[in-house]
Amino acid sequence: MKKNALIAVSLATVMTLTPVFTTNVFADVNTDIQKQDKKINDLKSKKGDLESQLSKLVADMESAKKNAKKLQAEFDNTGKELKKLNSDIKEINERIKEREEVLKERARAMQKTSNSNAYLDVILGSENFSDLVNRVSAVNQLVDSDKSILDDQKNDEEALKTKQNDVKKKQEAQRVAIHKFEAEQNKIEAQKAEKEAVVAQLAADQASAEKDKASLVSERDKQAAAAKERARLLAAAAAPTAGVEENNSSSEAASPAASNATSERTSSARTANASSNNSASSNQNSNAGNASSPSNSNNSSSNVQPSGSGYSAMISAARAQLGKPYSLGATGPSAFDCSGFTSYAFRAAGISLPRTSGGQYAAAQKVSASQAKPGDLVFFNYGSGIAHVGIYVGGGQMINAQNDGVKYDNISSGYWAKYLVGYGRVANF
């Protein structure tokens, strides 16, 4: 009887201490889970801030594109106005030339000393003095009128040339303004790419933290289930001690059975866990195999096959775009900006370039003017970083997408020479 009472007290003590021990273990796990929650929330907060900044950068970029397109439209209208002025000046010059020829013929006729002198014929053909005065006056008026018309035409020509110079200055200012927006776009896209990389890293860190938290939660649940099972077994083992001493034999007989049952349950649990782990491992291997397939597919699709070989493929693609219009942010094939054009041309040779002129400058191997050869990139700066890029074709010429569309330009003198930074090599053709 005393023996049974002692066993009951011992079991009760163990059952009492088990929740305390379990609670302490749970407290440690819960603390780790709370740390992971804080880490996840911090990562979410940082990612949210960066995503807001990215949204603003995208809005700024759209604004820059909108303003650049507006300026480009004004630039195009100014070009049309300049073309009309050139036509008008040419027409006035032709009229002036024609009138000068007429006046020269008249002067030559009146300077003749023969009886056919036109001026004398007019005067001598008069019937009386009054008629003579009228004829002389008419001749003078005719000469003065021609001279007046000639003077007016020359004045008109000067006025048109003055307006032509004003329009050229206006067009130059518009060109510079568009280039500034190009530089601004480069800067914004660089900032955008940098923040996108940070957001991607934060997302990866967040996924890792959530995975760690899930593991801790799973471990806590396993410990809780194990504690619950221990408590149930202890309760089942303590139940016989409440009876009388004569039940000892049956209690002792039951203990091995309970022990065997416990052993069988533990073995079953281990078998189940092993099966689950094998299944998970199999799924992971399967998923890993599946994940590699799209990756390989994407890689093959992103490797654009060259339409030809080397320089000839690239330059053929570039020349095929001659005359196409300029548009900020355009990458073809109907319109281009400067870096969109170079990227498009080099892609025909299987070469991938960064999206912006600044990115292409950073990726290129710098070469001197004496080392530059056809197929190198040529870069320009209007005062706030690399803002324009073209393809060097030799002889101080480049093919590029600029405000007048895709065309050849001289880079050794004139407009582009003022802003030339240097040359960069992205392919060894």
Protein backbone atom coordinates (compact mmCIF):
# COMPACT_ATOMS: atom_id res chain seq x y z
CA MET A 1 0.00 0.00 0.00
CA LYS A 2 2.78 2.43 0.91
CA LYS A 3 4.65 1.39 -2.22
CA ASN A 4 1.67 2.24 -4.39
CA ALA A 5 1.21 5.57 -2.66
CA LEU A 6 4.85 6.41 -3.25
CA ILE A 7 4.53 5.59 -6.96
CA ALA A 8 1.41 7.75 -7.21
CA VAL A 9 3.15 10.70 -5.57
CA SER A 10 6.17 10.31 -7.89
CA LEU A 11 3.99 10.18 -10.96
CA ALA A 12 2.03 13.21 -9.83
CA THR A 13 5.27 15.12 -9.29
CA VAL A 14 6.51 14.20 -12.79
CA MET A 15 3.15 15.21 -14.30
CA THR A 16 3.32 18.51 -12.45
CA LEU A 17 6.88 19.30 -13.57
CA THR A 18 6.34 18.25 -17.21
CA PRO A 19 4.23 21.34 -18.16
CA VAL A 20 6.84 23.60 -16.49
CA PHE A 21 9.64 22.04 -18.49
CA THR A 22 7.56 22.14 -21.67
CA THR A 23 6.62 25.79 -21.08
CA ASN A 24 10.29 26.75 -20.72
CA VAL A 25 11.16 25.00 -23.99
CA PHE A 26 8.18 26.67 -25.72
CA ALA A 27 9.25 30.03 -24.34
CA ASP A 28 12.65 29.71 -26.06
CA VAL A 29 11.06 28.72 -29.37
CA ASN A 30 8.44 31.48 -29.13
CA THR A 31 11.21 34.02 -28.51
CA ASP A 32 12.94 32.87 -31.70
CA ILE A 33 9.65 33.09 -33.59
CA GLN A 34 9.10 36.64 -32.31
CA LYS A 35 12.60 37.57 -33.50
CA GLN A 36 11.80 36.20 -36.94
CA ASP A 37 8.51 38.15 -36.97
CA LYS A 38 10.40 41.35 -36.19
CA LYS A 39 12.95 40.60 -38.89
CA ILE A 40 10.20 39.91 -41.43
CA ASN A 41 8.34 43.12 -40.53
CA ASP A 42 11.54 45.16 -40.81
CA LEU A 43 12.25 43.67 -44.23
CA LYS A 44 8.68 44.36 -45.35
CA SER A 45 8.96 47.95 -44.16
CA LYS A 46 12.24 48.55 -46.01
CA LYS A 47 10.88 46.87 -49.13
CA GLY A 48 7.72 48.98 -48.97
CA ASP A 49 9.75 52.20 -48.70
CA LEU A 50 11.89 51.23 -51.68
CA GLU A 51 8.85 50.25 -53.72
CA SER A 52 7.36 53.69 -53.02
CA GLN A 53 10.61 55.28 -54.18
CA LEU A 54 10.51 53.09 -57.29
CA SER A 55 6.96 54.24 -58.03
CA LYS A 56 8.12 57.86 -57.81
CA LEU A 57 11.09 57.14 -60.09
CA VAL A 58 8.76 55.53 -62.64
CA ALA A 59 6.49 58.60 -62.46
CA ASP A 60 9.52 60.89 -62.88
CA MET A 61 10.67 58.85 -65.88
CA GLU A 62 7.24 59.03 -67.50
CA SER A 63 7.21 62.78 -66.91
CA ALA A 64 10.66 63.10 -68.51
CA LYS A 65 9.50 61.07 -71.51
CA LYS A 66 6.35 63.17 -71.84
CA ASN A 67 8.31 66.42 -71.73
CA ALA A 68 10.90 65.08 -74.15
CA LYS A 69 8.20 64.02 -76.60
CA LYS A 70 6.63 67.47 -76.36
CA LEU A 71 10.01 69.07 -77.05
CA GLN A 72 10.61 66.63 -79.89
CA ALA A 73 7.29 67.66 -81.47
CA GLU A 74 8.30 71.32 -81.16
CA PHE A 75 11.71 70.47 -82.61
CA ASP A 76 10.02 68.79 -85.58
CA ASN A 77 7.76 71.82 -86.15
CA THR A 78 10.78 74.12 -85.96
CA GLY A 79 12.47 71.93 -88.54
CA LYS A 80 9.48 72.30 -90.86
CA GLU A 81 9.51 76.08 -90.31
CA LEU A 82 13.22 76.18 -91.11
CA LYS A 83 12.66 74.15 -94.26
CA LYS A 84 9.92 76.58 -95.37
CA LEU A 85 12.20 79.57 -94.71
CA ASN A 86 14.97 78.01 -96.76
CA SER A 87 12.51 77.50 -99.60
CA ASP A 88 11.26 81.11 -99.38
CA ILE A 89 14.81 82.49 -99.36
CA LYS A 90 15.66 80.39 -102.41
CA GLU A 91 12.54 81.64 -104.23
CA ILE A 92 13.29 85.32 -103.44
CA ASN A 93 16.88 84.89 -104.61
CA GLU A 94 15.63 83.48 -107.89
CA ARG A 95 13.22 86.44 -108.38
CA ILE A 96 15.97 88.93 -107.54
CA LYS A 97 18.26 87.26 -110.03
CA GLU A 98 15.58 87.42 -112.73
CA ARG A 99 14.86 91.14 -112.12
CA GLU A 100 18.55 91.95 -112.05
CA GLU A 101 18.89 90.34 -115.46
CA VAL A 102 15.97 92.42 -116.81
CA LEU A 103 17.48 95.64 -115.44
CA LYS A 104 20.86 94.75 -116.89
CA GLU A 105 19.27 94.22 -120.29
CA ARG A 106 17.51 97.57 -120.09
CA ALA A 107 20.68 99.33 -118.99
CA ARG A 108 22.60 97.75 -121.83
CA ALA A 109 19.88 98.81 -124.30
CA MET A 110 19.90 102.41 -123.07
CA GLN A 111 23.68 102.57 -123.18
CA LYS A 112 23.79 101.76 -126.90
CA THR A 113 24.99 104.74 -129.08
CA SER A 114 23.32 103.51 -132.26
CA ASN A 115 20.00 104.79 -133.62
CA SER A 116 18.41 101.88 -131.87
CA ASN A 117 19.15 103.41 -128.48
CA ALA A 118 16.03 102.61 -126.56
CA TYR A 119 16.19 105.63 -124.31
CA LEU A 120 16.68 108.07 -127.24
CA ASP A 121 13.95 106.34 -129.22
CA VAL A 122 11.53 106.97 -126.38
CA ILE A 123 12.52 110.62 -126.04
CA LEU A 124 12.78 111.45 -129.77
CA GLY A 125 9.52 109.75 -130.48
CA SER A 126 7.65 112.31 -128.43
CA GLU A 127 5.18 114.54 -130.27
CA ASN A 128 5.67 117.64 -128.14
CA PHE A 129 7.43 118.88 -125.05
CA SER A 130 4.65 117.74 -122.75
CA ASP A 131 4.79 114.28 -124.30
CA LEU A 132 8.56 114.34 -123.90
CA VAL A 133 8.30 115.09 -120.20
CA ASN A 134 5.77 112.34 -119.76
CA ARG A 135 7.95 109.83 -121.62
CA VAL A 136 11.07 110.70 -119.61
CA SER A 137 9.05 110.49 -116.40
CA ALA A 138 7.65 107.13 -117.42
CA VAL A 139 11.09 105.77 -118.18
CA ASN A 140 12.38 107.01 -114.82
CA GLN A 141 9.37 105.58 -112.99
CA LEU A 142 9.89 102.26 -114.68
CA VAL A 143 13.54 102.23 -113.66
CA ASP A 144 12.71 103.43 -110.13
CA SER A 145 9.92 100.89 -109.83
CA ASP A 146 12.22 98.03 -110.82
CA LYS A 147 14.82 99.30 -108.40
CA SER A 148 12.23 99.61 -105.61
CA ILE A 149 10.98 96.08 -106.21
CA LEU A 150 14.53 94.86 -106.20
CA ASP A 151 15.22 96.66 -102.93
CA ASP A 152 12.03 95.23 -101.38
CA GLN A 153 13.01 91.74 -102.40
CA LYS A 154 16.46 92.18 -100.93
CA ASN A 155 14.91 93.50 -97.72
CA ASP A 156 12.59 90.48 -97.64
CA GLU A 157 15.57 88.22 -98.12
CA GLU A 158 17.40 89.84 -95.22
CA ALA A 159 14.29 89.53 -93.03
CA LEU A 160 13.96 85.83 -93.90
CA LYS A 161 17.63 85.21 -93.18
CA THR A 162 17.26 86.94 -89.81
CA LYS A 163 14.25 84.74 -89.03
CA GLN A 164 16.17 81.72 -90.26
CA ASN A 165 18.96 82.42 -87.77
CA ASP A 166 16.41 82.88 -84.97
CA VAL A 167 14.75 79.57 -85.83
CA LYS A 168 18.14 77.82 -85.92
CA LYS A 169 18.92 79.16 -82.44
CA LYS A 170 15.50 78.03 -81.23
CA GLN A 171 16.06 74.59 -82.69
CA GLU A 172 19.48 74.38 -81.03
CA ALA A 173 17.94 75.27 -77.65
CA GLN A 174 15.29 72.58 -78.18
CA ARG A 175 17.95 70.04 -79.08
CA VAL A 176 19.90 70.79 -75.90
CA ALA A 177 16.70 70.56 -73.81
CA ILE A 178 15.89 67.15 -75.29
CA HIS A 179 19.43 65.98 -74.55
CA LYS A 180 19.02 67.08 -70.94
CA PHE A 181 15.92 64.91 -70.66
CA GLU A 182 17.90 62.02 -72.15
CA ALA A 183 20.56 62.50 -69.46
CA GLU A 184 17.84 62.70 -66.80
CA GLN A 185 16.30 59.47 -68.09
CA ASN A 186 19.69 57.76 -67.85
CA LYS A 187 20.07 58.91 -64.27
CA ILE A 188 16.56 57.79 -63.29
CA GLU A 189 16.94 54.39 -64.94
CA ALA A 190 20.26 53.84 -63.12
CA GLN A 191 18.62 54.69 -59.78
CA LYS A 192 15.66 52.47 -60.64
CA ALA A 193 17.88 49.49 -61.48
CA GLU A 194 19.81 49.95 -58.23
CA LYS A 195 16.65 50.07 -56.09
CA GLU A 196 15.13 47.10 -57.94
CA ALA A 197 18.21 45.06 -57.07
CA VAL A 198 17.88 46.00 -53.39
CA VAL A 199 14.14 45.17 -53.42
CA ALA A 200 14.91 41.78 -54.94
CA GLN A 201 17.49 41.08 -52.22
CA LEU A 202 15.05 42.15 -49.49
CA ALA A 203 12.40 39.88 -50.96
CA ALA A 204 14.88 36.97 -50.88
CA ASP A 205 15.80 37.80 -47.26
CA GLN A 206 12.12 37.97 -46.35
CA ALA A 207 11.43 34.58 -47.94
CA SER A 208 14.38 33.10 -46.03
CA ALA A 209 13.16 34.61 -42.73
CA GLU A 210 9.63 33.29 -43.31
CA LYS A 211 11.07 29.86 -44.05
CA ASP A 212 13.06 29.94 -40.79
CA LYS A 213 9.94 31.02 -38.92
CA ALA A 214 7.94 28.17 -40.45
CA SER A 215 10.62 25.72 -39.28
CA LEU A 216 10.46 27.13 -35.74
CA VAL A 217 6.66 26.94 -35.68
CA SER A 218 6.84 23.35 -36.93
CA GLU A 219 9.39 22.48 -34.23
CA ARG A 220 7.22 24.11 -31.56
CA ASP A 221 4.18 22.13 -32.74
CA LYS A 222 6.17 18.91 -32.66
CA GLN A 223 7.35 19.62 -29.11
CA ALA A 224 3.80 20.44 -28.06
CA ALA A 225 2.51 17.19 -29.55
CA ALA A 226 5.31 15.22 -27.88
CA ALA A 227 4.61 16.87 -24.50
CA LYS A 228 0.92 16.15 -24.85
CA GLU A 229 1.68 12.51 -25.63
CA ARG A 230 4.00 12.23 -22.61
CA ALA A 231 1.36 13.69 -20.36
CA ARG A 232 -1.24 11.26 -21.71
CA LEU A 233 1.06 8.29 -21.15
CA LEU A 234 1.91 9.43 -17.62
CA ALA A 235 -1.78 9.85 -16.85
CA ALA A 236 -2.49 6.38 -18.24
CA ALA A 237 0.35 4.90 -16.18
CA ALA A 238 -0.78 6.68 -12.96
CA ALA A 239 -4.42 5.56 -13.18
CA PRO A 240 -3.93 2.05 -11.64
CA THR A 241 -2.28 3.42 -8.49
CA ALA A 242 -5.59 4.89 -7.37
CA GLY A 243 -6.89 1.31 -6.79
CA VAL A 244 -6.28 -1.03 -3.88
CA GLU A 245 -3.18 -3.09 -3.33
CA GLU A 246 -4.78 -6.24 -4.65
CA ASN A 247 -4.77 -4.62 -8.11
CA ASN A 248 -0.97 -4.40 -8.07
CA SER A 249 -0.54 -7.58 -10.03
CA SER A 250 -2.83 -6.38 -12.82
CA SER A 251 -1.11 -2.92 -12.75
CA GLU A 252 2.28 -4.56 -13.04
CA ALA A 253 0.97 -6.67 -15.86
CA ALA A 254 -0.36 -3.58 -17.60
CA SER A 255 2.92 -1.66 -17.40
CA PRO A 256 4.78 -3.84 -19.91
CA ALA A 257 1.78 -3.63 -22.19
CA ALA A 258 1.76 0.19 -21.92
CA SER A 259 5.48 0.23 -22.49
CA ASN A 260 5.10 -1.98 -25.56
CA ALA A 261 2.28 0.22 -26.83
CA THR A 262 4.39 3.31 -26.31
CA SER A 263 7.29 1.67 -28.10
CA GLU A 264 5.03 0.66 -30.96
CA ARG A 265 3.62 4.22 -31.24
CA THR A 266 7.14 5.72 -31.19
CA SER A 267 8.27 3.30 -33.88
CA SER A 268 5.22 4.08 -35.98
CA ALA A 269 5.83 7.81 -35.57
CA ARG A 270 9.45 7.42 -36.63
CA THR A 271 8.40 5.38 -39.66
CA ALA A 272 5.81 8.00 -40.59
CA ASN A 273 8.32 10.82 -40.18
CA ALA A 274 10.89 8.97 -42.29
CA SER A 275 8.26 8.40 -44.97
CA SER A 276 7.28 12.05 -44.85
CA ASN A 277 10.91 13.17 -45.07
CA ASN A 278 11.54 10.85 -48.02
CA SER A 279 8.41 12.20 -49.72
CA ALA A 280 9.49 15.80 -49.07
CA SER A 281 12.97 15.06 -50.35
CA SER A 282 11.46 13.46 -53.44
CA ASN A 283 9.21 16.47 -54.00
CA GLN A 284 12.14 18.83 -53.55
CA ASN A 285 14.19 16.88 -56.09
CA SER A 286 11.22 16.87 -58.44
CA ASN A 287 10.67 20.59 -57.95
CA ALA A 288 14.37 21.27 -58.45
CA GLY A 289 14.23 19.38 -61.75
CA ASN A 290 11.10 21.27 -62.82
CA ALA A 291 12.66 24.59 -61.82
CA SER A 292 15.68 24.00 -63.98
CA SER A 293 13.61 23.45 -67.11
CA PRO A 294 12.02 26.95 -67.37
CA SER A 295 15.40 28.46 -66.52
CA ASN A 296 17.04 26.62 -69.39
CA SER A 297 14.16 27.59 -71.65
CA ASN A 298 14.45 31.27 -70.71
CA ASN A 299 18.20 31.22 -71.30
CA SER A 300 17.79 29.78 -74.77
CA SER A 301 15.06 32.26 -75.72
CA SER A 302 17.05 35.25 -74.47
CA ASN A 303 20.09 34.34 -76.60
CA VAL A 304 18.98 36.02 -79.81
CA GLN A 305 20.64 34.33 -82.76
CA PRO A 306 22.69 36.74 -84.93
CA SER A 307 21.21 37.43 -88.34
CA GLY A 308 24.72 37.44 -89.79
CA SER A 309 28.23 37.47 -88.43
CA GLY A 310 29.99 40.16 -86.47
CA TYR A 311 30.28 43.71 -87.71
CA SER A 312 28.41 43.13 -90.99
CA ALA A 313 25.32 41.83 -89.13
CA MET A 314 25.36 44.74 -86.70
CA ILE A 315 25.97 47.50 -89.26
CA SER A 316 23.42 46.03 -91.69
CA ALA A 317 20.79 46.17 -88.95
CA ALA A 318 21.81 49.75 -88.11
CA ARG A 319 21.69 50.97 -91.73
CA ALA A 320 18.27 49.40 -92.22
CA GLN A 321 16.89 51.90 -89.66
CA LEU A 322 18.10 55.06 -91.48
CA GLY A 323 15.39 57.70 -91.64
CA LYS A 324 13.28 56.25 -88.81
CA PRO A 325 12.06 58.84 -86.24
CA TYR A 326 13.47 59.60 -82.80
CA SER A 327 11.44 59.03 -79.64
CA LEU A 328 12.73 59.07 -76.07
CA GLY A 329 12.56 55.60 -74.54
CA ALA A 330 11.86 53.88 -77.89
CA THR A 331 13.73 50.67 -78.70
CA GLY A 332 12.38 50.03 -82.20
CA PRO A 333 11.63 48.90 -84.68
CA SER A 334 9.40 51.86 -85.70
CA ALA A 335 11.24 54.52 -83.62
CA PHE A 336 14.38 54.75 -81.48
CA ASP A 337 16.21 56.79 -78.90
CA CYS A 338 20.03 56.74 -78.99
CA SER A 339 20.69 53.74 -76.72
CA GLY A 340 17.62 51.89 -77.96
CA PHE A 341 19.10 52.13 -81.46
CA THR A 342 22.57 50.86 -80.50
CA SER A 343 21.05 47.99 -78.46
CA TYR A 344 18.84 47.04 -81.43
CA ALA A 345 21.76 47.05 -83.89
CA PHE A 346 24.14 45.02 -81.69
CA ARG A 347 21.41 42.51 -80.84
CA ALA A 348 21.47 41.49 -84.52
CA ALA A 349 25.03 40.28 -83.92
CA GLY A 350 24.00 38.41 -80.76
CA ILE A 351 25.43 41.06 -78.42
CA SER A 352 23.34 42.34 -75.50
CA LEU A 353 23.95 45.93 -74.34
CA PRO A 354 22.66 47.76 -71.24
CA ARG A 355 19.52 49.83 -71.88
CA THR A 356 20.93 53.34 -71.37
CA SER A 357 23.86 55.25 -72.86
CA GLY A 358 25.32 55.60 -69.34
CA GLY A 359 25.07 51.84 -68.81
CA GLN A 360 26.68 51.17 -72.18
CA TYR A 361 29.51 53.56 -71.34
CA ALA A 362 30.12 51.74 -68.04
CA ALA A 363 30.12 48.35 -69.78
CA ALA A 364 32.44 49.37 -72.62
CA GLN A 365 36.23 49.05 -72.72
CA LYS A 366 37.49 52.60 -73.22
CA VAL A 367 39.68 53.19 -76.27
CA SER A 368 41.42 56.31 -77.56
CA ALA A 369 40.45 58.16 -80.74
CA SER A 370 43.50 56.70 -82.49
CA GLN A 371 42.49 53.17 -81.43
CA ALA A 372 38.80 53.59 -82.36
CA LYS A 373 37.57 51.44 -85.23
CA PRO A 374 34.22 50.82 -86.96
CA GLY A 375 31.86 49.01 -84.61
CA ASP A 376 33.00 50.86 -81.47
CA LEU A 377 30.53 53.01 -79.57
CA VAL A 378 31.02 56.77 -79.35
CA PHE A 379 29.74 58.70 -76.32
CA PHE A 380 28.68 62.30 -75.63
CA ASN A 381 28.07 64.43 -72.54
CA TYR A 382 26.03 67.66 -72.49
CA GLY A 383 27.13 68.59 -69.00
CA SER A 384 25.39 66.15 -66.64
CA GLY A 385 26.76 62.71 -67.42
CA ILE A 386 26.77 60.47 -70.49
CA ALA A 387 23.61 61.29 -72.42
CA HIS A 388 24.12 60.16 -76.02
CA VAL A 389 25.66 57.23 -77.84
CA GLY A 390 26.24 56.35 -81.49
CA ILE A 391 28.00 53.68 -83.55
CA TYR A 392 31.36 54.72 -84.99
CA VAL A 393 31.70 53.85 -88.69
CA GLY A 394 35.13 55.37 -89.35
CA GLY A 395 36.27 58.55 -91.05
CA GLY A 396 35.02 60.76 -88.21
CA GLN A 397 31.43 59.59 -88.83
CA MET A 398 28.83 57.83 -86.71
CA ILE A 399 25.38 56.41 -87.31
CA ASN A 400 22.99 57.31 -84.50
CA ALA A 401 19.42 58.02 -83.44
CA GLN A 402 19.08 61.71 -82.65
CA ASN A 403 16.48 64.48 -82.85
CA ASP A 404 16.44 64.36 -86.65
CA GLY A 405 15.95 60.59 -86.63
CA VAL A 406 18.39 57.80 -87.48
CA LYS A 407 21.17 59.26 -89.65
CA TYR A 408 24.89 59.67 -90.18
CA ASP A 409 26.64 62.53 -88.39
CA ASN A 410 30.12 64.03 -88.36
CA ILE A 411 31.73 63.81 -84.92
CA SER A 412 35.10 65.35 -85.73
CA SER A 413 33.72 68.87 -86.28
CA GLY A 414 30.52 70.87 -85.81
CA TYR A 415 27.81 70.22 -83.25
CA TRP A 416 28.77 66.76 -82.00
CA ALA A 417 32.47 67.52 -81.66
CA LYS A 418 31.63 69.94 -78.81
CA TYR A 419 30.15 67.20 -76.65
CA LEU A 420 32.34 64.21 -77.57
CA VAL A 421 33.58 62.24 -74.54
CA GLY A 422 35.28 59.28 -76.16
CA TYR A 423 35.00 55.78 -77.58
CA GLY A 424 34.13 52.41 -76.04
CA ARG A 425 34.47 48.84 -77.32
CA VAL A 426 31.79 46.26 -76.53
CA ALA A 427 32.71 43.72 -79.19
CA ASN A 428 35.90 42.62 -80.94
CA PHE A 429 34.65 42.49 -84.51
